[in-house]
Structures are given as structure tokens and as C-alpha cells.
Amino acid sequence: MMALNKKATNKTNPTKPNESGHESGDRNGISNGNNGKPPYTTCSTPASLGPDSPIPSFCPELVSFCRAGYHGKEYTGSEWVVQMPEALYVSNLSPECTEGDIRELFAPFGPVAAVEAVDQPPESQWPDAMIVYLEDAQIGLQAQEELNGTELDGRRLAVSWLDYNDPPQPTDETWQLAAQIAEQLEEEPDAQRRVERVVRYAGIPFTEAIVQETLEIEAAGGMLTQDGERRRTPGGVFFYLTRGRVSKEVRKRIFYFRKPKKKKPASAEKAEKPASTAPGVAAPPPAPACR
């Protein structure tokens, strides 16, 4: 029997109409993504708002969507449409945790379409995890807010989206929170870029729970590296916990970011390109070096 230690929360019921009069579950609220379409939420906006306007603060569902880690939005001319993934990655589970336990865990939030255990590579040492497929995207939003940092069988849960069809883009909010976290963890300014990707892809509730656990580990004496030769920095603990508790898809987005290659000037490319020769004609020998 699983032992769940719930956090004290003070959140509104997502099934109640919001300030704009929308209710989750209908075209003006949350869709369950029928016909293979990802879940979405919409919010009617005044005609004065355009595609470059910020998300209207009077629509709690849109604000909640962004807080959960997804910032992609589309303005159709009369309303905002936000696309959402359909599956959650629930990590740091005990080996004894079953599919039934996960369904019981999510029961207070709403129906779950399916639960799938994740086969972790033996050499990875990642904690056990399960993928939870949702019938309603709002379930994922509330679950992230409620479950991140909650203890299940003595382990702190980590809940984030499995992946994104359209990766979210950086915002002022993600950069500001990343700067605060980097300073709190005594990290160099260069680390802020990676912290921002954690906030953006794993979500704010996930990130806040990992920061809190990192600070508690530091207060208890810290964490050693895997070889046991040195103590990890606070930032090292934060990234270590994050790496092991997100899906492999999100892990790649956060930790394996590749900088775009710089294009060489046209003059340099022309200078490096060898002179073309006619077919069957040998290229001329290189000019002798000056002495």
C-alpha cells in the first residue's frame, strides 16, 4: 500500500469557471485532444490585443499553462490557443511502485488514459519512472502543481511533461527565475543559461521542488560525486537531480544544447576552395613557399 505524504496546498478547483467564464472540458476551456490533436485551451481576448501582446492576465488557464512549463501560444485573431503535450513523466519512484499506485495517485485530479513503466538503462542509475497519458491536459497542470516535491513511499516525486511537439521559447519570466536560482545556488552567471532551460522545459513547479531539495541536501552536509572524491557544488546537486528526474527527451533539450555553428565569411570560403580543373586534367602543384 503506497504511503503518500501530501503537501499543504491552497489552490483553486480547476473545474470551476474562471474569471473569463470558461470551464475546463469544453471548447472554451480544456480539450482532451480527440482525433490525435494535442490538448488546447482558448481564451477570448479584446480586439485590441494582437499576436505580439502578452498572455492576458485575466485568463487563469493560460497563465497556468505557462507556469507548468509550456509557453507556446497562437493568436487566431479572436482568441489565444495554447498547445500542450498529452503525457507526464513521473519520476523518482520506488521499485515497489505499481501502475495501480500511480492511478490511485492521479485519481483526485481526473481520469488517466494509460500508465506505462519506463525501462531505464541499467548503467544510467536513473530512478524508476512512469509515463502517465492524460485524457485532459488540465490534469497534468494540476498534478505538476500538487505532486512535485510530494513524498510517495519515502521518495520525493518529480513530475514534468514527457516532451513537447513545439518546444517552448524563453520568456522574461524564465530568465528572471533562472537568475534568482543561479544566485541562490551560488552558481556562475554562465550556468544561468542551463538553469533557464530547466525552468522552461521541466516547468516551474518541478524546478522549485528541485531547488528546495538541493538546499536541504546542502544543509544536511551536501552530496558527493559518484566516485566519492569530492563534494558537489549546490549547482552540481541541482543539475544532478534534474538530469535523473526528467524524460530522456527533455534531458536532451536541457543538457545537450548545441550552439549553432558560425558561418565563415564568403571571402574565407572562397580562399579555402581549391581551383576547379577540367575533367582528366591534373591539378597544378602548390606554389613553393617563400623563403
Protein backbone atom coordinates (compact mmCIF):
# COMPACT_ATOMS: atom_id res chain seq x y z
CA MET A 1 0.00 0.00 0.00
CA MET A 2 1.57 3.26 -1.01
CA ALA A 3 2.17 5.93 1.61
CA LEU A 4 1.51 9.41 0.26
CA ASN A 5 2.60 12.47 2.17
CA LYS A 6 0.71 15.34 0.55
CA LYS A 7 1.93 18.91 0.66
CA ALA A 8 -0.31 21.58 2.09
CA THR A 9 -1.77 23.45 -0.85
CA ASN A 10 -4.16 26.31 -1.33
CA LYS A 11 -5.18 26.10 -4.96
CA THR A 12 -8.47 26.69 -6.70
CA ASN A 13 -10.53 23.90 -8.20
CA PRO A 14 -9.69 23.79 -11.93
CA THR A 15 -13.18 22.54 -12.82
CA LYS A 16 -14.80 25.76 -11.66
CA PRO A 17 -15.41 28.57 -14.16
CA ASN A 18 -12.52 31.01 -14.30
CA GLU A 19 -12.66 34.79 -14.43
CA SER A 20 -13.29 34.77 -18.17
CA GLY A 21 -16.25 32.41 -17.71
CA HIS A 22 -14.53 29.32 -19.16
CA GLU A 23 -14.90 25.84 -17.78
CA SER A 24 -12.38 23.07 -18.32
CA GLY A 25 -13.53 20.29 -20.62
CA ASP A 26 -15.26 22.33 -23.35
CA ARG A 27 -14.14 24.26 -26.45
CA ASN A 28 -13.65 27.40 -24.36
CA GLY A 29 -11.62 25.57 -21.75
CA ILE A 30 -9.55 22.40 -21.97
CA SER A 31 -9.85 19.84 -24.76
CA ASN A 32 -8.97 16.18 -24.31
CA GLY A 33 -7.19 16.10 -27.65
CA ASN A 34 -9.56 13.87 -29.64
CA ASN A 35 -8.67 12.72 -33.15
CA GLY A 36 -4.98 12.79 -32.35
CA LYS A 37 -4.92 16.53 -31.74
CA PRO A 38 -2.95 17.76 -28.72
CA PRO A 39 -4.95 19.30 -25.88
CA TYR A 40 -5.50 23.02 -26.05
CA THR A 41 -7.05 25.85 -24.13
CA THR A 42 -8.53 29.01 -25.56
CA CYS A 43 -9.31 32.42 -24.17
CA SER A 44 -11.30 35.09 -25.94
CA THR A 45 -9.45 38.39 -25.95
CA PRO A 46 -10.35 42.02 -26.74
CA ALA A 47 -9.83 43.14 -30.31
CA SER A 48 -7.09 45.50 -29.14
CA LEU A 49 -4.82 42.52 -28.35
CA GLY A 50 -2.71 41.11 -31.15
CA PRO A 51 -0.27 38.25 -31.71
CA ASP A 52 2.60 40.16 -30.09
CA SER A 53 0.63 41.01 -26.96
CA PRO A 54 1.45 39.25 -23.68
CA ILE A 55 -0.80 36.49 -22.43
CA PRO A 56 -3.85 38.19 -20.89
CA SER A 57 -3.66 38.03 -17.11
CA PHE A 58 -7.44 37.70 -16.79
CA CYS A 59 -7.31 34.13 -18.16
CA PRO A 60 -6.00 31.89 -15.33
CA GLU A 61 -5.88 28.81 -17.56
CA LEU A 62 -3.37 30.39 -19.92
CA VAL A 63 -1.27 31.65 -17.04
CA SER A 64 -1.40 28.17 -15.50
CA PHE A 65 -0.32 26.60 -18.79
CA CYS A 66 2.74 28.85 -18.93
CA ARG A 67 3.56 28.24 -15.28
CA ALA A 68 3.57 24.50 -15.91
CA GLY A 69 6.37 24.96 -18.41
CA TYR A 70 4.74 25.44 -21.80
CA HIS A 71 4.85 28.90 -23.32
CA GLY A 72 3.87 28.21 -26.94
CA LYS A 73 0.78 30.14 -27.92
CA GLU A 74 -1.04 31.13 -31.09
CA TYR A 75 -3.32 34.11 -31.66
CA THR A 76 -6.15 33.29 -34.08
CA GLY A 77 -7.49 36.84 -34.30
CA SER A 78 -10.11 36.48 -31.60
CA GLU A 79 -8.59 34.09 -29.08
CA TRP A 80 -5.36 32.60 -27.79
CA VAL A 81 -4.71 28.90 -28.41
CA VAL A 82 -2.04 27.13 -26.35
CA GLN A 83 -0.86 23.66 -27.41
CA MET A 84 0.04 21.18 -24.71
CA PRO A 85 1.69 17.76 -24.57
CA GLU A 86 -0.50 14.84 -23.57
CA ALA A 87 1.73 12.84 -21.23
CA LEU A 88 3.51 13.38 -17.93
CA TYR A 89 6.82 11.90 -16.82
CA VAL A 90 6.57 10.87 -13.15
CA SER A 91 9.99 10.11 -11.72
CA ASN A 92 11.92 9.18 -8.57
CA LEU A 93 9.55 6.32 -7.83
CA SER A 94 10.39 3.41 -5.56
CA PRO A 95 10.94 0.00 -7.21
CA GLU A 96 7.79 -1.24 -5.47
CA CYS A 97 5.56 1.40 -7.09
CA THR A 98 2.96 -0.12 -9.42
CA GLU A 99 0.67 1.12 -12.17
CA GLY A 100 -2.20 0.86 -9.72
CA ASP A 101 -0.38 3.14 -7.29
CA ILE A 102 0.06 5.78 -9.99
CA ARG A 103 -3.60 5.60 -11.00
CA GLU A 104 -4.56 5.99 -7.35
CA LEU A 105 -2.17 8.92 -7.06
CA PHE A 106 -3.80 10.71 -10.01
CA ALA A 107 -7.39 9.79 -9.12
CA PRO A 108 -8.09 13.09 -7.28
CA PHE A 109 -7.17 15.06 -10.42
CA GLY A 110 -9.22 13.18 -13.01
CA PRO A 111 -9.17 10.23 -15.43
CA VAL A 112 -5.93 8.78 -16.78
CA ALA A 113 -5.85 7.14 -20.21
CA ALA A 114 -2.87 4.84 -19.60
CA VAL A 115 0.22 4.32 -17.46
CA GLU A 116 3.48 2.94 -18.84
CA ALA A 117 6.62 1.93 -16.92
CA VAL A 118 9.92 3.34 -18.20
CA ASP A 119 12.77 0.92 -18.87
CA GLN A 120 15.82 2.74 -17.57
CA PRO A 121 19.25 1.68 -18.90
CA PRO A 122 21.00 -0.37 -16.15
CA GLU A 123 24.14 1.75 -16.39
CA SER A 124 22.27 5.06 -16.10
CA GLN A 125 21.37 4.77 -12.40
CA TRP A 126 18.29 6.90 -13.09
CA PRO A 127 15.43 6.42 -10.62
CA ASP A 128 12.34 4.46 -11.60
CA ALA A 129 9.74 6.39 -13.57
CA MET A 130 6.38 6.01 -15.31
CA ILE A 131 4.66 7.82 -18.16
CA VAL A 132 1.10 8.92 -17.47
CA TYR A 133 -1.06 9.51 -20.55
CA LEU A 134 -3.81 12.00 -19.89
CA GLU A 135 -7.40 12.34 -21.07
CA ASP A 136 -7.45 16.02 -20.09
CA ALA A 137 -4.46 18.37 -20.15
CA GLN A 138 -5.75 20.18 -17.08
CA ILE A 139 -4.98 17.03 -15.08
CA GLY A 140 -1.31 17.46 -15.98
CA LEU A 141 -1.28 21.10 -14.94
CA GLN A 142 -2.82 20.45 -11.54
CA ALA A 143 -0.73 17.31 -10.98
CA GLN A 144 2.50 19.25 -11.53
CA GLU A 145 1.44 21.93 -9.07
CA GLU A 146 0.26 19.43 -6.44
CA LEU A 147 2.68 16.50 -6.73
CA ASN A 148 6.14 17.97 -7.30
CA GLY A 149 8.09 17.53 -4.06
CA THR A 150 5.38 15.33 -2.52
CA GLU A 151 6.69 12.17 -0.88
CA LEU A 152 5.47 8.78 -2.10
CA ASP A 153 6.83 5.78 -0.18
CA GLY A 154 9.59 7.97 1.23
CA ARG A 155 10.69 9.42 -2.13
CA ARG A 156 10.08 12.91 -3.49
CA LEU A 157 8.09 12.85 -6.70
CA ALA A 158 9.22 14.75 -9.78
CA VAL A 159 6.51 15.46 -12.36
CA SER A 160 7.04 17.18 -15.72
CA TRP A 161 5.83 16.94 -19.31
CA LEU A 162 7.18 13.98 -21.26
CA ASP A 163 8.11 16.16 -24.24
CA TYR A 164 6.87 18.99 -26.48
CA ASN A 165 5.53 18.95 -30.02
CA ASP A 166 6.61 22.57 -30.32
CA PRO A 167 9.42 23.45 -27.87
CA PRO A 168 8.65 26.45 -25.64
CA GLN A 169 10.64 29.63 -26.10
CA PRO A 170 12.46 31.65 -23.40
CA THR A 171 10.49 34.41 -21.70
CA ASP A 172 11.30 37.23 -19.31
CA GLU A 173 9.77 35.10 -16.54
CA THR A 174 12.01 32.09 -17.21
CA TRP A 175 15.14 34.28 -17.40
CA GLN A 176 14.29 36.14 -14.20
CA LEU A 177 13.62 32.94 -12.27
CA ALA A 178 16.79 31.37 -13.67
CA ALA A 179 18.85 34.36 -12.49
CA GLN A 180 17.36 34.08 -8.99
CA ILE A 181 18.05 30.34 -8.82
CA ALA A 182 21.61 30.68 -10.12
CA GLU A 183 22.32 33.30 -7.44
CA GLN A 184 20.64 31.19 -4.75
CA LEU A 185 22.77 28.16 -5.69
CA GLU A 186 25.92 30.32 -5.86
CA GLU A 187 26.45 29.42 -9.48
CA GLU A 188 28.44 31.38 -12.02
CA PRO A 189 26.47 33.59 -14.44
CA ASP A 190 27.31 31.12 -17.24
CA ALA A 191 25.14 28.49 -15.52
CA GLN A 192 22.07 30.72 -15.80
CA ARG A 193 21.54 29.64 -19.39
CA ARG A 194 21.19 25.99 -18.40
CA VAL A 195 19.05 26.82 -15.37
CA GLU A 196 16.71 28.71 -17.69
CA ARG A 197 16.30 25.60 -19.83
CA VAL A 198 15.38 23.60 -16.72
CA VAL A 199 12.71 26.18 -15.85
CA ARG A 200 11.45 26.26 -19.42
CA TYR A 201 11.33 22.55 -20.22
CA ALA A 202 10.76 20.92 -16.83
CA GLY A 203 8.39 23.61 -15.57
CA ILE A 204 8.35 25.98 -12.63
CA PRO A 205 6.76 23.58 -10.08
CA PHE A 206 9.40 20.93 -10.91
CA THR A 207 12.23 23.45 -10.69
CA GLU A 208 11.07 24.92 -7.38
CA ALA A 209 10.85 21.43 -5.84
CA ILE A 210 14.37 20.52 -7.03
CA VAL A 211 15.79 23.78 -5.65
CA GLN A 212 14.17 23.11 -2.28
CA GLU A 213 15.57 19.57 -2.17
CA THR A 214 19.02 20.87 -3.17
CA LEU A 215 19.05 23.37 -0.31
CA GLU A 216 18.00 20.67 2.15
CA ILE A 217 20.78 18.37 0.91
CA GLU A 218 23.30 21.18 1.33
CA ALA A 219 22.06 21.89 4.86
CA ALA A 220 22.49 18.20 5.71
CA GLY A 221 26.12 18.07 4.58
CA GLY A 222 25.92 18.05 0.80
CA MET A 223 26.26 15.32 -1.83
CA LEU A 224 29.43 13.63 -3.02
CA THR A 225 30.25 12.91 -6.65
CA GLN A 226 29.78 9.33 -7.84
CA ASP A 227 33.46 8.49 -7.28
CA GLY A 228 33.18 9.87 -3.73
CA GLU A 229 36.27 12.06 -4.13
CA ARG A 230 34.71 15.46 -3.72
CA ARG A 231 31.54 17.24 -2.69
CA ARG A 232 29.25 18.57 -5.38
CA THR A 233 28.56 22.27 -5.56
CA PRO A 234 24.95 23.35 -4.89
CA GLY A 235 24.52 23.84 -8.63
CA GLY A 236 26.01 20.41 -9.23
CA VAL A 237 23.43 18.86 -6.91
CA PHE A 238 20.64 20.76 -8.65
CA PHE A 239 21.67 19.62 -12.13
CA TYR A 240 22.33 16.04 -10.95
CA LEU A 241 18.82 15.74 -9.51
CA THR A 242 17.29 17.36 -12.59
CA ARG A 243 19.16 15.12 -15.03
CA GLY A 244 17.88 11.97 -13.37
CA ARG A 245 14.26 13.04 -12.98
CA VAL A 246 13.24 14.27 -16.42
CA SER A 247 12.49 12.20 -19.51
CA LYS A 248 15.28 11.45 -21.95
CA GLU A 249 13.63 13.80 -24.46
CA VAL A 250 13.60 16.73 -22.01
CA ARG A 251 17.07 15.76 -20.76
CA LYS A 252 18.43 16.23 -24.27
CA ARG A 253 16.76 19.62 -24.58
CA ILE A 254 18.29 20.81 -21.30
CA PHE A 255 21.77 19.28 -21.25
CA TYR A 256 22.72 18.58 -24.84
CA PHE A 257 22.12 22.00 -26.29
CA ARG A 258 24.30 22.66 -29.31
CA LYS A 259 25.32 26.15 -30.23
CA PRO A 260 24.78 26.98 -33.90
CA LYS A 261 27.94 26.90 -35.95
CA LYS A 262 29.25 30.24 -37.04
CA LYS A 263 29.27 30.72 -40.79
CA LYS A 264 32.59 31.62 -42.31
CA PRO A 265 32.82 34.86 -44.27
CA ALA A 266 32.29 34.43 -48.00
CA SER A 267 35.82 35.66 -48.66
CA ALA A 268 37.30 32.96 -46.41
CA GLU A 269 35.23 30.19 -48.04
CA LYS A 270 36.37 31.36 -51.47
CA ALA A 271 40.01 31.41 -50.39
CA GLU A 272 39.81 27.84 -48.99
CA LYS A 273 38.03 26.40 -52.04
CA PRO A 274 40.56 24.77 -54.44
CA ALA A 275 40.62 25.91 -58.04
CA SER A 276 38.50 23.73 -60.31
CA THR A 277 40.15 21.81 -63.14
CA ALA A 278 38.84 20.27 -66.31
CA PRO A 279 37.99 16.55 -66.24
CA GLY A 280 41.06 14.39 -66.72
CA VAL A 281 43.48 17.27 -66.11
CA ALA A 282 45.68 17.10 -63.02
CA ALA A 283 45.56 20.00 -60.64
CA PRO A 284 48.60 22.28 -60.71
CA PRO A 285 51.18 21.73 -57.96
CA PRO A 286 51.09 24.10 -54.99
CA ALA A 287 53.20 27.21 -55.19
CA PRO A 288 56.54 26.94 -53.41
CA ALA A 289 56.74 28.54 -50.02
CA CYS A 290 58.54 31.85 -49.77
CA ARG A 291 61.93 31.77 -48.03
